[in-house]
């Protein structure tokens, strides 16, 4: 029997109200953690772009938070000072943070070299790399010597993501931040790791896409959000107390 040692710990899950984020929020709550479910109500894309993700609403976040005994906290991660504002909100509601899961992500199209523009690239990097980096920095400033940890959510294709230049490269940047933060913050007792999911069914994959996709996955199935959540909980647990700077691929063998 493994006791993750998460009972009573305070956890922030960004983008924690839907898909993989919701599974992560539930998994921590099941271990007795106090969970802050972050949400962003969203904004309309510009005329020349299309969001390739769903942003759960405040109502979605509040329903989930109520069901797991947590709290819902809203923040626009692309806004200046978002990290300090978000952590202020969590600390006011739940007390000092022990764990941050940087799960929130931005993905839009077109995202090819042929159609790439600076504004789209900036949106990808702001949410997928800059905001998590600032949240790590803000947590480090507030940790006061406590053994806190961060788990970043990347993608198993961050090493090469043709056709999604901004998304893939911003996730690769997040993995680089993971390693840099582990090196810089380790002496403070802060662990920083990442999980790189493979294809996970959160409602975006058709049956045809699943049939075609499993041929590229050695374990012959697509992922479930709980597959990712279990790995995140492990990296935050005391069983992972001497693990830092790692990117754990949770993908059934996809993209090895």
C-alpha atoms as a PDB file:
ATOM      1  CA  UNK A   1       0.000   0.000   0.000  1.00  0.00           C
ATOM      2  CA  UNK A   2       1.326   3.428  -0.959  1.00  0.00           C
ATOM      3  CA  UNK A   3       0.416   6.480   1.099  1.00  0.00           C
ATOM      4  CA  UNK A   4       1.205   9.520  -1.079  1.00  0.00           C
ATOM      5  CA  UNK A   5       1.355  11.802   1.958  1.00  0.00           C
ATOM      6  CA  UNK A   6      -0.965  14.348   0.341  1.00  0.00           C
ATOM      7  CA  UNK A   7      -3.665  14.481   3.004  1.00  0.00           C
ATOM      8  CA  UNK A   8      -4.202  18.112   4.016  1.00  0.00           C
ATOM      9  CA  UNK A   9      -1.797  19.472   1.395  1.00  0.00           C
ATOM     10  CA  UNK A  10      -2.865  22.492  -0.654  1.00  0.00           C
ATOM     11  CA  UNK A  11      -2.791  21.977  -4.416  1.00  0.00           C
ATOM     12  CA  UNK A  12      -3.406  24.389  -7.297  1.00  0.00           C
ATOM     13  CA  UNK A  13      -4.364  22.857 -10.651  1.00  0.00           C
ATOM     14  CA  UNK A  14      -4.361  25.392 -13.457  1.00  0.00           C
ATOM     15  CA  UNK A  15      -6.951  24.635 -16.092  1.00  0.00           C
ATOM     16  CA  UNK A  16      -8.311  22.290 -13.476  1.00  0.00           C
ATOM     17  CA  UNK A  17     -11.983  22.155 -14.428  1.00  0.00           C
ATOM     18  CA  UNK A  18     -12.050  20.085 -17.595  1.00  0.00           C
ATOM     19  CA  UNK A  19     -10.455  17.098 -19.303  1.00  0.00           C
ATOM     20  CA  UNK A  20      -7.069  16.118 -17.894  1.00  0.00           C
ATOM     21  CA  UNK A  21      -7.187  19.004 -15.413  1.00  0.00           C
ATOM     22  CA  UNK A  22     -10.454  17.811 -13.905  1.00  0.00           C
ATOM     23  CA  UNK A  23      -9.071  14.285 -13.518  1.00  0.00           C
ATOM     24  CA  UNK A  24      -6.012  15.713 -11.765  1.00  0.00           C
ATOM     25  CA  UNK A  25      -8.181  17.808  -9.438  1.00  0.00           C
ATOM     26  CA  UNK A  26     -10.275  14.763  -8.513  1.00  0.00           C
ATOM     27  CA  UNK A  27      -7.205  12.569  -7.997  1.00  0.00           C
ATOM     28  CA  UNK A  28      -5.647  14.968  -5.498  1.00  0.00           C
ATOM     29  CA  UNK A  29      -8.952  15.422  -3.674  1.00  0.00           C
ATOM     30  CA  UNK A  30      -9.247  11.631  -3.396  1.00  0.00           C
ATOM     31  CA  UNK A  31      -5.944  11.692  -1.490  1.00  0.00           C
ATOM     32  CA  UNK A  32      -7.288  14.221   0.994  1.00  0.00           C
ATOM     33  CA  UNK A  33      -5.668  17.296  -0.561  1.00  0.00           C
ATOM     34  CA  UNK A  34      -7.309  20.709  -0.550  1.00  0.00           C
ATOM     35  CA  UNK A  35      -7.636  21.592  -4.213  1.00  0.00           C
ATOM     36  CA  UNK A  36      -7.880  24.995  -5.884  1.00  0.00           C
ATOM     37  CA  UNK A  37      -9.455  24.503  -9.313  1.00  0.00           C
ATOM     38  CA  UNK A  38      -8.252  27.284 -11.610  1.00  0.00           C
ATOM     39  CA  UNK A  39     -10.396  28.382 -14.530  1.00  0.00           C
ATOM     40  CA  UNK A  40     -10.482  31.043 -17.231  1.00  0.00           C
ATOM     41  CA  UNK A  41     -13.851  31.898 -18.725  1.00  0.00           C
ATOM     42  CA  UNK A  42     -12.182  32.454 -22.069  1.00  0.00           C
ATOM     43  CA  UNK A  43     -12.251  35.042 -24.777  1.00  0.00           C
ATOM     44  CA  UNK A  44     -13.178  35.061 -28.441  1.00  0.00           C
ATOM     45  CA  UNK A  45     -10.319  34.280 -30.823  1.00  0.00           C
ATOM     46  CA  UNK A  46      -9.199  36.932 -33.298  1.00  0.00           C
ATOM     47  CA  UNK A  47     -10.653  36.749 -36.802  1.00  0.00           C
ATOM     48  CA  UNK A  48      -7.609  34.975 -38.197  1.00  0.00           C
ATOM     49  CA  UNK A  49      -7.331  32.228 -35.554  1.00  0.00           C
ATOM     50  CA  UNK A  50      -9.307  29.345 -34.089  1.00  0.00           C
ATOM     51  CA  UNK A  51      -8.942  28.002 -30.557  1.00  0.00           C
ATOM     52  CA  UNK A  52      -8.259  24.255 -30.578  1.00  0.00           C
ATOM     53  CA  UNK A  53      -9.227  23.813 -26.951  1.00  0.00           C
ATOM     54  CA  UNK A  54     -12.263  24.157 -24.697  1.00  0.00           C
ATOM     55  CA  UNK A  55     -12.114  26.539 -21.753  1.00  0.00           C
ATOM     56  CA  UNK A  56     -14.422  25.395 -18.928  1.00  0.00           C
ATOM     57  CA  UNK A  57     -16.489  28.201 -17.463  1.00  0.00           C
ATOM     58  CA  UNK A  58     -16.631  29.524 -13.937  1.00  0.00           C
ATOM     59  CA  UNK A  59     -19.791  27.469 -13.414  1.00  0.00           C
ATOM     60  CA  UNK A  60     -17.965  24.307 -14.532  1.00  0.00           C
ATOM     61  CA  UNK A  61     -15.115  25.021 -12.117  1.00  0.00           C
ATOM     62  CA  UNK A  62     -17.438  25.783  -9.233  1.00  0.00           C
ATOM     63  CA  UNK A  63     -19.422  22.575  -9.790  1.00  0.00           C
ATOM     64  CA  UNK A  64     -16.259  20.494  -9.793  1.00  0.00           C
ATOM     65  CA  UNK A  65     -14.809  22.313  -6.786  1.00  0.00           C
ATOM     66  CA  UNK A  66     -18.007  21.776  -4.815  1.00  0.00           C
ATOM     67  CA  UNK A  67     -18.071  18.070  -5.686  1.00  0.00           C
ATOM     68  CA  UNK A  68     -14.516  17.516  -4.397  1.00  0.00           C
ATOM     69  CA  UNK A  69     -14.595  19.897  -1.455  1.00  0.00           C
ATOM     70  CA  UNK A  70     -12.236  22.382  -3.087  1.00  0.00           C
ATOM     71  CA  UNK A  71     -12.455  25.976  -4.282  1.00  0.00           C
ATOM     72  CA  UNK A  72     -12.648  27.569  -7.737  1.00  0.00           C
ATOM     73  CA  UNK A  73     -10.264  30.414  -8.570  1.00  0.00           C
ATOM     74  CA  UNK A  74     -10.328  32.413 -11.774  1.00  0.00           C
ATOM     75  CA  UNK A  75      -7.370  34.041 -13.524  1.00  0.00           C
ATOM     76  CA  UNK A  76      -6.272  35.045 -17.004  1.00  0.00           C
ATOM     77  CA  UNK A  77      -2.799  33.527 -17.230  1.00  0.00           C
ATOM     78  CA  UNK A  78      -1.922  35.800 -20.140  1.00  0.00           C
ATOM     79  CA  UNK A  79      -2.352  38.924 -17.984  1.00  0.00           C
ATOM     80  CA  UNK A  80       0.535  40.745 -16.294  1.00  0.00           C
ATOM     81  CA  UNK A  81       1.051  39.743 -12.651  1.00  0.00           C
ATOM     82  CA  UNK A  82      -1.296  36.767 -13.098  1.00  0.00           C
ATOM     83  CA  UNK A  83       0.972  34.501 -11.036  1.00  0.00           C
ATOM     84  CA  UNK A  84       1.001  36.653  -7.917  1.00  0.00           C
ATOM     85  CA  UNK A  85      -2.715  37.440  -8.204  1.00  0.00           C
ATOM     86  CA  UNK A  86      -3.617  33.759  -8.558  1.00  0.00           C
ATOM     87  CA  UNK A  87      -1.440  32.638  -5.642  1.00  0.00           C
ATOM     88  CA  UNK A  88      -2.836  35.450  -3.496  1.00  0.00           C
ATOM     89  CA  UNK A  89      -6.346  34.115  -4.175  1.00  0.00           C
ATOM     90  CA  UNK A  90      -5.422  30.523  -3.351  1.00  0.00           C
ATOM     91  CA  UNK A  91      -3.598  31.473  -0.147  1.00  0.00           C
ATOM     92  CA  UNK A  92      -6.509  33.594   0.990  1.00  0.00           C
ATOM     93  CA  UNK A  93      -8.901  30.667   0.538  1.00  0.00           C
ATOM     94  CA  UNK A  94      -6.767  27.640   1.462  1.00  0.00           C
ATOM     95  CA  UNK A  95      -3.480  28.813   2.938  1.00  0.00           C
ATOM     96  CA  UNK A  96       0.106  28.364   1.642  1.00  0.00           C
ATOM     97  CA  UNK A  97       0.522  26.179  -1.421  1.00  0.00           C
ATOM     98  CA  UNK A  98       2.319  22.846  -1.359  1.00  0.00           C
ATOM     99  CA  UNK A  99       1.838  21.761  -4.979  1.00  0.00           C
ATOM    100  CA  UNK A 100       1.259  23.525  -8.288  1.00  0.00           C
ATOM    101  CA  UNK A 101       0.193  21.557 -11.355  1.00  0.00           C
ATOM    102  CA  UNK A 102       0.739  23.699 -14.450  1.00  0.00           C
ATOM    103  CA  UNK A 103      -1.887  22.061 -16.623  1.00  0.00           C
ATOM    104  CA  UNK A 104      -3.531  25.034 -18.378  1.00  0.00           C
ATOM    105  CA  UNK A 105      -2.576  25.243 -22.052  1.00  0.00           C
ATOM    106  CA  UNK A 106      -3.286  27.258 -25.162  1.00  0.00           C
ATOM    107  CA  UNK A 107      -3.545  25.716 -28.615  1.00  0.00           C
ATOM    108  CA  UNK A 108      -4.730  27.529 -31.710  1.00  0.00           C
ATOM    109  CA  UNK A 109      -4.624  27.206 -35.463  1.00  0.00           C
ATOM    110  CA  UNK A 110      -3.320  27.993 -37.983  1.00  0.00           C
ATOM    111  CA  UNK A 111       0.033  27.211 -36.405  1.00  0.00           C
ATOM    112  CA  UNK A 112       2.213  26.328 -39.386  1.00  0.00           C
ATOM    113  CA  UNK A 113       5.306  28.124 -40.642  1.00  0.00           C
ATOM    114  CA  UNK A 114       3.354  29.180 -43.714  1.00  0.00           C
ATOM    115  CA  UNK A 115       0.764  31.048 -41.643  1.00  0.00           C
ATOM    116  CA  UNK A 116       2.605  31.800 -38.410  1.00  0.00           C
ATOM    117  CA  UNK A 117       2.378  35.309 -36.989  1.00  0.00           C
ATOM    118  CA  UNK A 118       3.867  36.943 -33.916  1.00  0.00           C
ATOM    119  CA  UNK A 119       0.594  37.376 -32.047  1.00  0.00           C
ATOM    120  CA  UNK A 120      -0.313  33.688 -32.288  1.00  0.00           C
ATOM    121  CA  UNK A 121       3.181  32.650 -31.279  1.00  0.00           C
ATOM    122  CA  UNK A 122       3.042  35.023 -28.309  1.00  0.00           C
ATOM    123  CA  UNK A 123      -0.291  33.615 -27.121  1.00  0.00           C
ATOM    124  CA  UNK A 124       1.099  30.076 -27.150  1.00  0.00           C
ATOM    125  CA  UNK A 125       4.240  31.023 -25.250  1.00  0.00           C
ATOM    126  CA  UNK A 126       2.471  33.244 -22.734  1.00  0.00           C
ATOM    127  CA  UNK A 127       0.134  30.516 -21.475  1.00  0.00           C
ATOM    128  CA  UNK A 128       2.235  27.413 -22.122  1.00  0.00           C
ATOM    129  CA  UNK A 129       5.669  28.640 -21.013  1.00  0.00           C
ATOM    130  CA  UNK A 130       5.724  32.131 -19.503  1.00  0.00           C
ATOM    131  CA  UNK A 131       2.806  31.712 -17.076  1.00  0.00           C
ATOM    132  CA  UNK A 132       4.051  28.367 -15.670  1.00  0.00           C
ATOM    133  CA  UNK A 133       7.539  29.844 -15.253  1.00  0.00           C
ATOM    134  CA  UNK A 134       6.186  32.808 -13.330  1.00  0.00           C
ATOM    135  CA  UNK A 135       4.022  30.553 -11.157  1.00  0.00           C
ATOM    136  CA  UNK A 136       7.101  28.489 -10.286  1.00  0.00           C
ATOM    137  CA  UNK A 137       9.034  31.653  -9.438  1.00  0.00           C
ATOM    138  CA  UNK A 138       6.188  32.986  -7.308  1.00  0.00           C
ATOM    139  CA  UNK A 139       5.856  29.678  -5.451  1.00  0.00           C
ATOM    140  CA  UNK A 140       9.602  29.662  -4.781  1.00  0.00           C
ATOM    141  CA  UNK A 141       9.449  33.181  -3.332  1.00  0.00           C
ATOM    142  CA  UNK A 142       6.664  32.137  -0.975  1.00  0.00           C
ATOM    143  CA  UNK A 143       7.835  28.645  -0.019  1.00  0.00           C
ATOM    144  CA  UNK A 144       9.711  29.778   3.125  1.00  0.00           C
ATOM    145  CA  UNK A 145      11.801  26.616   3.200  1.00  0.00           C
ATOM    146  CA  UNK A 146       8.858  24.215   2.903  1.00  0.00           C
ATOM    147  CA  UNK A 147       9.212  21.141   0.696  1.00  0.00           C
ATOM    148  CA  UNK A 148       6.904  22.200  -2.133  1.00  0.00           C
ATOM    149  CA  UNK A 149       6.726  20.792  -5.641  1.00  0.00           C
ATOM    150  CA  UNK A 150       5.606  21.558  -9.176  1.00  0.00           C
ATOM    151  CA  UNK A 151       4.358  19.239 -11.902  1.00  0.00           C
ATOM    152  CA  UNK A 152       4.207  20.708 -15.405  1.00  0.00           C
ATOM    153  CA  UNK A 153       2.042  19.176 -18.115  1.00  0.00           C
ATOM    154  CA  UNK A 154       3.807  18.977 -21.467  1.00  0.00           C
ATOM    155  CA  UNK A 155       3.120  16.708 -24.451  1.00  0.00           C
ATOM    156  CA  UNK A 156       4.927  13.595 -25.613  1.00  0.00           C
ATOM    157  CA  UNK A 157       5.476  15.220 -29.025  1.00  0.00           C
ATOM    158  CA  UNK A 158       7.206  18.343 -27.698  1.00  0.00           C
ATOM    159  CA  UNK A 159      10.446  17.197 -29.321  1.00  0.00           C
ATOM    160  CA  UNK A 160       8.885  17.430 -32.794  1.00  0.00           C
ATOM    161  CA  UNK A 161       5.413  18.742 -33.499  1.00  0.00           C
ATOM    162  CA  UNK A 162       5.031  19.378 -37.247  1.00  0.00           C
ATOM    163  CA  UNK A 163       2.115  21.613 -38.148  1.00  0.00           C
ATOM    164  CA  UNK A 164       1.824  23.035 -34.638  1.00  0.00           C
ATOM    165  CA  UNK A 165       4.906  25.181 -34.338  1.00  0.00           C
ATOM    166  CA  UNK A 166       3.844  27.537 -31.545  1.00  0.00           C
ATOM    167  CA  UNK A 167       2.149  24.845 -29.486  1.00  0.00           C
ATOM    168  CA  UNK A 168       4.887  22.245 -29.805  1.00  0.00           C
ATOM    169  CA  UNK A 169       7.811  24.600 -29.306  1.00  0.00           C
ATOM    170  CA  UNK A 170       6.179  26.308 -26.301  1.00  0.00           C
ATOM    171  CA  UNK A 171       5.727  22.911 -24.661  1.00  0.00           C
ATOM    172  CA  UNK A 172       9.369  22.092 -25.408  1.00  0.00           C
ATOM    173  CA  UNK A 173      10.239  25.355 -23.679  1.00  0.00           C
ATOM    174  CA  UNK A 174       8.203  24.239 -20.666  1.00  0.00           C
ATOM    175  CA  UNK A 175      10.277  21.053 -20.466  1.00  0.00           C
ATOM    176  CA  UNK A 176      13.455  23.146 -20.549  1.00  0.00           C
ATOM    177  CA  UNK A 177      12.057  25.313 -17.742  1.00  0.00           C
ATOM    178  CA  UNK A 178      11.341  22.126 -15.783  1.00  0.00           C
ATOM    179  CA  UNK A 179      15.008  21.141 -15.877  1.00  0.00           C
ATOM    180  CA  UNK A 180      16.292  24.652 -15.178  1.00  0.00           C
ATOM    181  CA  UNK A 181      13.941  25.136 -12.229  1.00  0.00           C
ATOM    182  CA  UNK A 182      14.892  21.759 -10.773  1.00  0.00           C
ATOM    183  CA  UNK A 183      18.555  22.750 -10.822  1.00  0.00           C
ATOM    184  CA  UNK A 184      18.070  26.266  -9.469  1.00  0.00           C
ATOM    185  CA  UNK A 185      15.427  25.516  -6.848  1.00  0.00           C
ATOM    186  CA  UNK A 186      16.582  22.115  -5.614  1.00  0.00           C
ATOM    187  CA  UNK A 187      18.730  23.650  -2.856  1.00  0.00           C
ATOM    188  CA  UNK A 188      15.511  25.214  -1.492  1.00  0.00           C
ATOM    189  CA  UNK A 189      13.884  21.782  -1.330  1.00  0.00           C
ATOM    190  CA  UNK A 190      11.632  22.510  -4.304  1.00  0.00           C
ATOM    191  CA  UNK A 191      11.079  19.661  -6.750  1.00  0.00           C
ATOM    192  CA  UNK A 192      10.016  20.367 -10.345  1.00  0.00           C
ATOM    193  CA  UNK A 193       9.000  17.608 -12.775  1.00  0.00           C
ATOM    194  CA  UNK A 194       6.819  17.246 -15.853  1.00  0.00           C
ATOM    195  CA  UNK A 195       4.403  14.730 -17.327  1.00  0.00           C
ATOM    196  CA  UNK A 196       4.242  14.400 -21.113  1.00  0.00           C
ATOM    197  CA  UNK A 197       0.925  12.834 -22.150  1.00  0.00           C
ATOM    198  CA  UNK A 198       0.358  10.998 -25.393  1.00  0.00           C
ATOM    199  CA  UNK A 199      -3.008  11.006 -27.199  1.00  0.00           C
ATOM    200  CA  UNK A 200      -5.652  11.291 -24.458  1.00  0.00           C
ATOM    201  CA  UNK A 201      -9.370  11.127 -25.157  1.00  0.00           C
ATOM    202  CA  UNK A 202     -10.967  14.210 -23.675  1.00  0.00           C
ATOM    203  CA  UNK A 203     -13.699  14.378 -26.292  1.00  0.00           C
ATOM    204  CA  UNK A 204     -11.644  15.599 -29.253  1.00  0.00           C
ATOM    205  CA  UNK A 205     -10.922  12.244 -30.908  1.00  0.00           C
ATOM    206  CA  UNK A 206     -13.398  10.618 -33.278  1.00  0.00           C
ATOM    207  CA  UNK A 207     -13.749   6.844 -33.445  1.00  0.00           C
ATOM    208  CA  UNK A 208     -11.904   6.885 -36.756  1.00  0.00           C
ATOM    209  CA  UNK A 209      -9.049   8.905 -35.287  1.00  0.00           C
ATOM    210  CA  UNK A 210      -8.816   6.488 -32.353  1.00  0.00           C
ATOM    211  CA  UNK A 211      -8.716   3.464 -34.667  1.00  0.00           C
ATOM    212  CA  UNK A 212      -5.939   4.999 -36.725  1.00  0.00           C
ATOM    213  CA  UNK A 213      -4.085   6.343 -33.710  1.00  0.00           C
ATOM    214  CA  UNK A 214      -3.802   3.145 -31.713  1.00  0.00           C
ATOM    215  CA  UNK A 215      -1.637   1.660 -34.453  1.00  0.00           C
ATOM    216  CA  UNK A 216       1.076   4.097 -33.342  1.00  0.00           C
ATOM    217  CA  UNK A 217       0.682   3.236 -29.642  1.00  0.00           C
ATOM    218  CA  UNK A 218       2.436   0.036 -28.501  1.00  0.00           C
ATOM    219  CA  UNK A 219      -0.090  -0.545 -25.684  1.00  0.00           C
ATOM    220  CA  UNK A 220      -2.849  -0.314 -28.302  1.00  0.00           C
ATOM    221  CA  UNK A 221      -5.185   2.158 -26.642  1.00  0.00           C
ATOM    222  CA  UNK A 222      -5.487   5.897 -26.315  1.00  0.00           C
ATOM    223  CA  UNK A 223      -5.064   7.471 -22.927  1.00  0.00           C
ATOM    224  CA  UNK A 224      -7.689   8.286 -20.342  1.00  0.00           C
ATOM    225  CA  UNK A 225      -7.372  11.477 -18.256  1.00  0.00           C
ATOM    226  CA  UNK A 226      -6.951   9.325 -15.154  1.00  0.00           C
ATOM    227  CA  UNK A 227      -3.781   7.824 -16.659  1.00  0.00           C
ATOM    228  CA  UNK A 228      -2.220  11.268 -16.546  1.00  0.00           C
ATOM    229  CA  UNK A 229      -3.695  12.174 -13.166  1.00  0.00           C
ATOM    230  CA  UNK A 230      -2.193   9.092 -11.518  1.00  0.00           C
ATOM    231  CA  UNK A 231       1.274   9.992 -12.793  1.00  0.00           C
ATOM    232  CA  UNK A 232       0.913  13.575 -11.560  1.00  0.00           C
ATOM    233  CA  UNK A 233      -0.127  12.408  -8.097  1.00  0.00           C
ATOM    234  CA  UNK A 234       2.890  10.093  -7.987  1.00  0.00           C
ATOM    235  CA  UNK A 235       5.309  12.921  -8.839  1.00  0.00           C
ATOM    236  CA  UNK A 236       3.757  15.050  -6.096  1.00  0.00           C
ATOM    237  CA  UNK A 237       3.833  12.238  -3.561  1.00  0.00           C
ATOM    238  CA  UNK A 238       6.459  11.460  -0.943  1.00  0.00           C
ATOM    239  CA  UNK A 239       7.333   8.336  -2.946  1.00  0.00           C
ATOM    240  CA  UNK A 240       8.859  10.733  -5.518  1.00  0.00           C
ATOM    241  CA  UNK A 241      10.748  12.758  -2.911  1.00  0.00           C
ATOM    242  CA  UNK A 242      14.132  12.249  -4.629  1.00  0.00           C
ATOM    243  CA  UNK A 243      12.895  12.813  -8.172  1.00  0.00           C
ATOM    244  CA  UNK A 244      13.315  16.208  -9.800  1.00  0.00           C
ATOM    245  CA  UNK A 245      14.019  17.638 -13.242  1.00  0.00           C
ATOM    246  CA  UNK A 246      12.378  14.692 -15.017  1.00  0.00           C
ATOM    247  CA  UNK A 247       9.918  14.564 -17.892  1.00  0.00           C
ATOM    248  CA  UNK A 248       7.812  11.430 -17.479  1.00  0.00           C
ATOM    249  CA  UNK A 249       6.261  10.274 -20.727  1.00  0.00           C
ATOM    250  CA  UNK A 250       2.805   8.813 -20.043  1.00  0.00           C
ATOM    251  CA  UNK A 251       1.743   7.717 -23.481  1.00  0.00           C
ATOM    252  CA  UNK A 252       1.470   3.956 -23.772  1.00  0.00           C
ATOM    253  CA  UNK A 253       4.744   3.962 -25.693  1.00  0.00           C
ATOM    254  CA  UNK A 254       3.609   6.573 -28.241  1.00  0.00           C
ATOM    255  CA  UNK A 255       6.328   8.819 -29.729  1.00  0.00           C
ATOM    256  CA  UNK A 256       9.231   6.943 -28.177  1.00  0.00           C
END
